């Protein structure tokens, strides 16, 4: 049986750390045989929950960029992980160590209750969206 993994995020400042995450899920968790679903946070939800957030690329462009990555088999849009996850066909939820808000905690608890595997993948060292934003601000002296 082919396994399906899913991971959730905004993926606005798409960077090497994201690509390595997707590659590691595909190679190390799915053994190159399963499917990787990337759930992309919806623009409307981001704006309603984080009105001060500055999203560089609109949802459609983020989805197109993600869809072009060879490790990703499907891109879906979501509002809140805890209400979206039970409606997805998957075996493994992959989260980052910083994805700890109440919605992620409820989703992780749901996975445990429904015998789904949860894998916490470490971030790529010295690469993050926050670091990129800070570097840009420093370079532009903002």
C-alpha atoms as a PDB file:
ATOM      1  CA  UNK A   1       0.000   0.000   0.000  1.00  0.00           C
ATOM      2  CA  UNK A   2       1.357   3.396  -0.988  1.00  0.00           C
ATOM      3  CA  UNK A   3       1.521   5.828   1.896  1.00  0.00           C
ATOM      4  CA  UNK A   4       0.460   9.454   1.721  1.00  0.00           C
ATOM      5  CA  UNK A   5       2.092  12.204   3.756  1.00  0.00           C
ATOM      6  CA  UNK A   6       0.750  15.699   4.278  1.00  0.00           C
ATOM      7  CA  UNK A   7       2.393  18.864   5.549  1.00  0.00           C
ATOM      8  CA  UNK A   8       0.884  22.288   6.205  1.00  0.00           C
ATOM      9  CA  UNK A   9       2.188  25.825   5.870  1.00  0.00           C
ATOM     10  CA  UNK A  10       2.062  29.274   4.332  1.00  0.00           C
ATOM     11  CA  UNK A  11       5.130  28.731   2.104  1.00  0.00           C
ATOM     12  CA  UNK A  12       5.312  32.403   1.175  1.00  0.00           C
ATOM     13  CA  UNK A  13       9.059  32.960   1.200  1.00  0.00           C
ATOM     14  CA  UNK A  14       9.743  29.701  -0.600  1.00  0.00           C
ATOM     15  CA  UNK A  15      13.368  28.748   0.039  1.00  0.00           C
ATOM     16  CA  UNK A  16      15.891  25.924   0.063  1.00  0.00           C
ATOM     17  CA  UNK A  17      14.756  24.776   3.509  1.00  0.00           C
ATOM     18  CA  UNK A  18      11.281  24.098   2.118  1.00  0.00           C
ATOM     19  CA  UNK A  19      12.658  22.188  -0.869  1.00  0.00           C
ATOM     20  CA  UNK A  20      14.847  20.099   1.446  1.00  0.00           C
ATOM     21  CA  UNK A  21      11.827  19.438   3.677  1.00  0.00           C
ATOM     22  CA  UNK A  22       9.810  18.158   0.712  1.00  0.00           C
ATOM     23  CA  UNK A  23      12.746  16.058  -0.527  1.00  0.00           C
ATOM     24  CA  UNK A  24      13.291  14.545   2.929  1.00  0.00           C
ATOM     25  CA  UNK A  25       9.615  13.676   3.266  1.00  0.00           C
ATOM     26  CA  UNK A  26       9.609  12.051  -0.161  1.00  0.00           C
ATOM     27  CA  UNK A  27      12.901  10.155   0.253  1.00  0.00           C
ATOM     28  CA  UNK A  28      13.190   9.421   3.979  1.00  0.00           C
ATOM     29  CA  UNK A  29       9.584   9.079   5.107  1.00  0.00           C
ATOM     30  CA  UNK A  30       7.868   7.839   1.946  1.00  0.00           C
ATOM     31  CA  UNK A  31      10.867   5.893   0.570  1.00  0.00           C
ATOM     32  CA  UNK A  32      10.288   7.477  -2.864  1.00  0.00           C
ATOM     33  CA  UNK A  33       7.108   5.438  -3.317  1.00  0.00           C
ATOM     34  CA  UNK A  34       4.399   7.444  -1.579  1.00  0.00           C
ATOM     35  CA  UNK A  35       2.590  10.670  -2.319  1.00  0.00           C
ATOM     36  CA  UNK A  36       3.295  14.048  -0.742  1.00  0.00           C
ATOM     37  CA  UNK A  37       0.427  16.472  -0.266  1.00  0.00           C
ATOM     38  CA  UNK A  38       1.275  20.061   0.619  1.00  0.00           C
ATOM     39  CA  UNK A  39      -1.537  22.021   2.237  1.00  0.00           C
ATOM     40  CA  UNK A  40      -1.245  25.746   1.592  1.00  0.00           C
ATOM     41  CA  UNK A  41      -2.725  28.267   4.006  1.00  0.00           C
ATOM     42  CA  UNK A  42      -5.501  30.264   2.294  1.00  0.00           C
ATOM     43  CA  UNK A  43      -5.035  33.999   1.783  1.00  0.00           C
ATOM     44  CA  UNK A  44      -8.413  34.872   3.302  1.00  0.00           C
ATOM     45  CA  UNK A  45      -7.655  32.908   6.454  1.00  0.00           C
ATOM     46  CA  UNK A  46      -4.206  34.479   6.841  1.00  0.00           C
ATOM     47  CA  UNK A  47      -5.730  37.957   6.512  1.00  0.00           C
ATOM     48  CA  UNK A  48      -8.496  37.221   9.019  1.00  0.00           C
ATOM     49  CA  UNK A  49      -6.243  35.668  11.673  1.00  0.00           C
ATOM     50  CA  UNK A  50      -3.071  37.727  11.121  1.00  0.00           C
ATOM     51  CA  UNK A  51      -4.162  41.108   9.728  1.00  0.00           C
ATOM     52  CA  UNK A  52      -0.619  42.506  10.046  1.00  0.00           C
ATOM     53  CA  UNK A  53       0.974  39.637   8.103  1.00  0.00           C
ATOM     54  CA  UNK A  54       2.679  40.615   4.880  1.00  0.00           C
ATOM     55  CA  UNK A  55       2.252  37.811   2.378  1.00  0.00           C
ATOM     56  CA  UNK A  56       4.555  38.279  -0.580  1.00  0.00           C
ATOM     57  CA  UNK A  57       2.768  36.006  -3.055  1.00  0.00           C
ATOM     58  CA  UNK A  58      -0.969  35.420  -3.391  1.00  0.00           C
ATOM     59  CA  UNK A  59      -2.325  31.929  -2.807  1.00  0.00           C
ATOM     60  CA  UNK A  60      -2.592  31.035  -6.512  1.00  0.00           C
ATOM     61  CA  UNK A  61       1.060  31.913  -7.143  1.00  0.00           C
ATOM     62  CA  UNK A  62       2.246  30.054  -4.038  1.00  0.00           C
ATOM     63  CA  UNK A  63       0.253  27.003  -5.164  1.00  0.00           C
ATOM     64  CA  UNK A  64       1.760  27.184  -8.649  1.00  0.00           C
ATOM     65  CA  UNK A  65       5.320  27.403  -7.297  1.00  0.00           C
ATOM     66  CA  UNK A  66       4.730  24.471  -4.954  1.00  0.00           C
ATOM     67  CA  UNK A  67       3.136  22.446  -7.734  1.00  0.00           C
ATOM     68  CA  UNK A  68       6.299  22.875  -9.818  1.00  0.00           C
ATOM     69  CA  UNK A  69       8.450  21.136  -7.190  1.00  0.00           C
ATOM     70  CA  UNK A  70       9.103  17.555  -8.250  1.00  0.00           C
ATOM     71  CA  UNK A  71       8.708  16.087  -4.753  1.00  0.00           C
ATOM     72  CA  UNK A  72       5.135  17.349  -4.358  1.00  0.00           C
ATOM     73  CA  UNK A  73       2.288  15.265  -5.760  1.00  0.00           C
ATOM     74  CA  UNK A  74      -0.658  17.479  -4.801  1.00  0.00           C
ATOM     75  CA  UNK A  75      -1.241  20.993  -3.467  1.00  0.00           C
ATOM     76  CA  UNK A  76      -4.435  21.737  -1.548  1.00  0.00           C
ATOM     77  CA  UNK A  77      -5.712  24.890   0.153  1.00  0.00           C
ATOM     78  CA  UNK A  78      -6.739  25.002   3.809  1.00  0.00           C
ATOM     79  CA  UNK A  79      -8.019  27.437   6.401  1.00  0.00           C
ATOM     80  CA  UNK A  80      -7.319  25.691   9.730  1.00  0.00           C
ATOM     81  CA  UNK A  81      -5.369  22.454  10.013  1.00  0.00           C
ATOM     82  CA  UNK A  82      -7.573  20.993  12.752  1.00  0.00           C
ATOM     83  CA  UNK A  83     -10.743  21.288  10.653  1.00  0.00           C
ATOM     84  CA  UNK A  84      -9.058  20.397   7.351  1.00  0.00           C
ATOM     85  CA  UNK A  85      -6.999  17.370   8.358  1.00  0.00           C
ATOM     86  CA  UNK A  86      -9.881  14.975   9.160  1.00  0.00           C
ATOM     87  CA  UNK A  87     -11.150  15.474   5.592  1.00  0.00           C
ATOM     88  CA  UNK A  88      -7.871  14.426   3.945  1.00  0.00           C
ATOM     89  CA  UNK A  89      -6.764  10.972   2.852  1.00  0.00           C
ATOM     90  CA  UNK A  90      -3.316  10.556   4.405  1.00  0.00           C
ATOM     91  CA  UNK A  91      -1.243   8.269   6.617  1.00  0.00           C
ATOM     92  CA  UNK A  92       1.473  10.578   7.933  1.00  0.00           C
ATOM     93  CA  UNK A  93       1.305  14.178   9.151  1.00  0.00           C
ATOM     94  CA  UNK A  94       4.638  15.991   8.952  1.00  0.00           C
ATOM     95  CA  UNK A  95       5.041  19.104  11.094  1.00  0.00           C
ATOM     96  CA  UNK A  96       7.862  21.417  12.046  1.00  0.00           C
ATOM     97  CA  UNK A  97       9.047  21.891  15.620  1.00  0.00           C
ATOM     98  CA  UNK A  98       7.635  25.430  15.639  1.00  0.00           C
ATOM     99  CA  UNK A  99       4.130  24.425  14.544  1.00  0.00           C
ATOM    100  CA  UNK A 100       2.720  24.316  18.056  1.00  0.00           C
ATOM    101  CA  UNK A 101      -0.327  26.588  18.045  1.00  0.00           C
ATOM    102  CA  UNK A 102      -3.693  25.323  19.278  1.00  0.00           C
ATOM    103  CA  UNK A 103      -4.854  24.292  15.785  1.00  0.00           C
ATOM    104  CA  UNK A 104      -1.758  22.143  15.242  1.00  0.00           C
ATOM    105  CA  UNK A 105      -2.089  20.632  18.720  1.00  0.00           C
ATOM    106  CA  UNK A 106      -5.703  19.636  18.005  1.00  0.00           C
ATOM    107  CA  UNK A 107      -4.656  18.174  14.633  1.00  0.00           C
ATOM    108  CA  UNK A 108      -1.837  16.178  16.230  1.00  0.00           C
ATOM    109  CA  UNK A 109      -4.201  14.879  18.921  1.00  0.00           C
ATOM    110  CA  UNK A 110      -6.691  13.888  16.199  1.00  0.00           C
ATOM    111  CA  UNK A 111      -3.925  11.972  14.410  1.00  0.00           C
ATOM    112  CA  UNK A 112      -3.009  10.072  17.560  1.00  0.00           C
ATOM    113  CA  UNK A 113      -6.662   9.227  18.217  1.00  0.00           C
ATOM    114  CA  UNK A 114      -7.092   7.972  14.632  1.00  0.00           C
ATOM    115  CA  UNK A 115      -3.854   5.983  14.462  1.00  0.00           C
ATOM    116  CA  UNK A 116      -2.115   8.338  12.034  1.00  0.00           C
ATOM    117  CA  UNK A 117       1.639   8.796  12.234  1.00  0.00           C
ATOM    118  CA  UNK A 118       2.979  12.215  13.226  1.00  0.00           C
ATOM    119  CA  UNK A 119       6.563  13.077  12.285  1.00  0.00           C
ATOM    120  CA  UNK A 120       8.300  16.227  13.514  1.00  0.00           C
ATOM    121  CA  UNK A 121      10.927  17.227  10.967  1.00  0.00           C
ATOM    122  CA  UNK A 122      13.707  19.571  12.040  1.00  0.00           C
ATOM    123  CA  UNK A 123      14.160  22.845  10.234  1.00  0.00           C
ATOM    124  CA  UNK A 124      17.089  23.261   7.872  1.00  0.00           C
ATOM    125  CA  UNK A 125      19.829  24.901   9.909  1.00  0.00           C
ATOM    126  CA  UNK A 126      20.401  28.608   9.209  1.00  0.00           C
ATOM    127  CA  UNK A 127      17.554  28.817   6.684  1.00  0.00           C
ATOM    128  CA  UNK A 128      14.136  30.193   7.580  1.00  0.00           C
ATOM    129  CA  UNK A 129      11.577  32.624   6.234  1.00  0.00           C
ATOM    130  CA  UNK A 130      12.132  34.859   9.257  1.00  0.00           C
ATOM    131  CA  UNK A 131      15.889  34.940   8.650  1.00  0.00           C
ATOM    132  CA  UNK A 132      15.313  35.810   4.989  1.00  0.00           C
ATOM    133  CA  UNK A 133      12.916  38.625   5.924  1.00  0.00           C
ATOM    134  CA  UNK A 134      15.388  39.959   8.503  1.00  0.00           C
ATOM    135  CA  UNK A 135      18.259  39.818   6.011  1.00  0.00           C
ATOM    136  CA  UNK A 136      16.251  41.713   3.413  1.00  0.00           C
ATOM    137  CA  UNK A 137      15.255  44.343   5.974  1.00  0.00           C
ATOM    138  CA  UNK A 138      18.895  44.713   7.076  1.00  0.00           C
ATOM    139  CA  UNK A 139      20.149  44.967   3.499  1.00  0.00           C
ATOM    140  CA  UNK A 140      17.538  47.608   2.697  1.00  0.00           C
ATOM    141  CA  UNK A 141      18.084  49.231   6.101  1.00  0.00           C
ATOM    142  CA  UNK A 142      14.372  49.078   6.928  1.00  0.00           C
END
